[in-house]
Amino acid sequence: MKKVTAILSWMLWIECPECKEDFDLADQDDENDIAMLIFNSKWDMLKDYEVMCPKCALEFMIEEIEY
C-alpha cells in the first residue's frame, strides 16, 4: 500500500468591529502563538488576546472562539 503525506491547513476568521473587514488570524500568527493554543485545546487562553485589523489598524480583543 502506498503512503502519502497529508497537509494540514487552518484558518481562524475574525471580523473587525470597526470596518467589518473579515480576515484570517492565521496570517498574523508568525510566532505560532495562536496555533499552539488552538491545537493544544487551550482556546480559553485566547480570551482577551489582542488583534490588529490589517485594513483599518484598529486594535481589539477576542471575546471567544466558536466552531
C-alpha atoms as a PDB file:
ATOM      1  CA  MET A   1       0.000   0.000   0.000  1.00  0.00           C
ATOM      2  CA  LYS A   2       1.332   3.449  -0.910  1.00  0.00           C
ATOM      3  CA  LYS A   3       1.925   6.090   1.712  1.00  0.00           C
ATOM      4  CA  VAL A   4       1.280   9.795   1.223  1.00  0.00           C
ATOM      5  CA  THR A   5       1.821  12.949   3.222  1.00  0.00           C
ATOM      6  CA  ALA A   6      -1.214  14.831   4.493  1.00  0.00           C
ATOM      7  CA  ILE A   7      -1.090  18.623   4.760  1.00  0.00           C
ATOM      8  CA  LEU A   8      -2.996  20.409   7.481  1.00  0.00           C
ATOM      9  CA  SER A   9      -4.304  23.860   6.681  1.00  0.00           C
ATOM     10  CA  TRP A  10      -6.065  26.014   9.252  1.00  0.00           C
ATOM     11  CA  MET A  11      -7.871  29.339   9.354  1.00  0.00           C
ATOM     12  CA  LEU A  12      -9.293  31.453  12.142  1.00  0.00           C
ATOM     13  CA  TRP A  13     -11.602  34.077  10.671  1.00  0.00           C
ATOM     14  CA  ILE A  14     -12.464  37.214  12.607  1.00  0.00           C
ATOM     15  CA  GLU A  15     -14.395  40.371  11.741  1.00  0.00           C
ATOM     16  CA  CYS A  16     -13.136  43.813  12.689  1.00  0.00           C
ATOM     17  CA  PRO A  17     -15.758  45.528  14.853  1.00  0.00           C
ATOM     18  CA  GLU A  18     -14.930  48.888  13.239  1.00  0.00           C
ATOM     19  CA  CYS A  19     -14.604  48.416   9.461  1.00  0.00           C
ATOM     20  CA  LYS A  20     -16.267  44.956   9.294  1.00  0.00           C
ATOM     21  CA  GLU A  21     -13.315  43.510   7.357  1.00  0.00           C
ATOM     22  CA  ASP A  22     -13.049  39.713   7.637  1.00  0.00           C
ATOM     23  CA  PHE A  23      -9.503  38.431   7.961  1.00  0.00           C
ATOM     24  CA  ASP A  24      -7.666  35.253   8.900  1.00  0.00           C
ATOM     25  CA  LEU A  25      -5.737  35.415  12.183  1.00  0.00           C
ATOM     26  CA  ALA A  26      -3.557  32.538  10.995  1.00  0.00           C
ATOM     27  CA  ASP A  27      -1.979  35.036   8.576  1.00  0.00           C
ATOM     28  CA  GLN A  28      -0.852  37.163  11.548  1.00  0.00           C
ATOM     29  CA  ASP A  29       0.404  34.223  13.629  1.00  0.00           C
ATOM     30  CA  ASP A  30       4.098  34.450  12.691  1.00  0.00           C
ATOM     31  CA  GLU A  31       5.278  33.021  16.013  1.00  0.00           C
ATOM     32  CA  ASN A  32       2.565  30.295  16.051  1.00  0.00           C
ATOM     33  CA  ASP A  33       1.220  31.569  19.387  1.00  0.00           C
ATOM     34  CA  ILE A  34      -2.403  31.229  18.277  1.00  0.00           C
ATOM     35  CA  ALA A  35      -1.820  27.865  16.586  1.00  0.00           C
ATOM     36  CA  MET A  36      -0.195  26.415  19.701  1.00  0.00           C
ATOM     37  CA  LEU A  37      -3.220  27.363  21.824  1.00  0.00           C
ATOM     38  CA  ILE A  38      -5.754  26.150  19.232  1.00  0.00           C
ATOM     39  CA  PHE A  39      -4.077  22.794  18.586  1.00  0.00           C
ATOM     40  CA  ASN A  40      -3.485  22.134  22.286  1.00  0.00           C
ATOM     41  CA  SER A  41      -7.155  22.765  23.134  1.00  0.00           C
ATOM     42  CA  LYS A  42      -6.354  25.883  25.148  1.00  0.00           C
ATOM     43  CA  TRP A  43      -8.875  28.077  23.344  1.00  0.00           C
ATOM     44  CA  ASP A  44      -9.863  29.840  26.570  1.00  0.00           C
ATOM     45  CA  MET A  45      -6.379  31.319  26.743  1.00  0.00           C
ATOM     46  CA  LEU A  46      -7.204  33.347  23.631  1.00  0.00           C
ATOM     47  CA  LYS A  47      -9.868  35.286  25.532  1.00  0.00           C
ATOM     48  CA  ASP A  48      -8.767  38.943  25.531  1.00  0.00           C
ATOM     49  CA  TYR A  49      -5.992  38.177  23.012  1.00  0.00           C
ATOM     50  CA  GLU A  50      -5.151  41.443  21.248  1.00  0.00           C
ATOM     51  CA  VAL A  51      -5.647  41.640  17.494  1.00  0.00           C
ATOM     52  CA  MET A  52      -4.992  44.410  14.966  1.00  0.00           C
ATOM     53  CA  CYS A  53      -7.119  44.801  11.855  1.00  0.00           C
ATOM     54  CA  PRO A  54      -4.897  44.814   8.754  1.00  0.00           C
ATOM     55  CA  LYS A  55      -7.292  47.181   6.954  1.00  0.00           C
ATOM     56  CA  CYS A  56      -8.068  49.973   9.475  1.00  0.00           C
ATOM     57  CA  ALA A  57      -5.407  49.219  12.152  1.00  0.00           C
ATOM     58  CA  LEU A  58      -7.986  49.076  14.952  1.00  0.00           C
ATOM     59  CA  GLU A  59      -6.741  47.128  17.960  1.00  0.00           C
ATOM     60  CA  PHE A  60      -9.347  44.929  19.646  1.00  0.00           C
ATOM     61  CA  MET A  61      -9.566  41.720  21.666  1.00  0.00           C
ATOM     62  CA  ILE A  62     -11.017  38.271  21.028  1.00  0.00           C
ATOM     63  CA  GLU A  63     -14.013  37.633  23.254  1.00  0.00           C
ATOM     64  CA  GLU A  64     -14.500  33.954  22.363  1.00  0.00           C
ATOM     65  CA  ILE A  65     -13.902  31.383  19.630  1.00  0.00           C
ATOM     66  CA  GLU A  66     -16.757  29.408  18.105  1.00  0.00           C
ATOM     67  CA  TYR A  67     -16.547  26.379  15.861  1.00  0.00           C
END
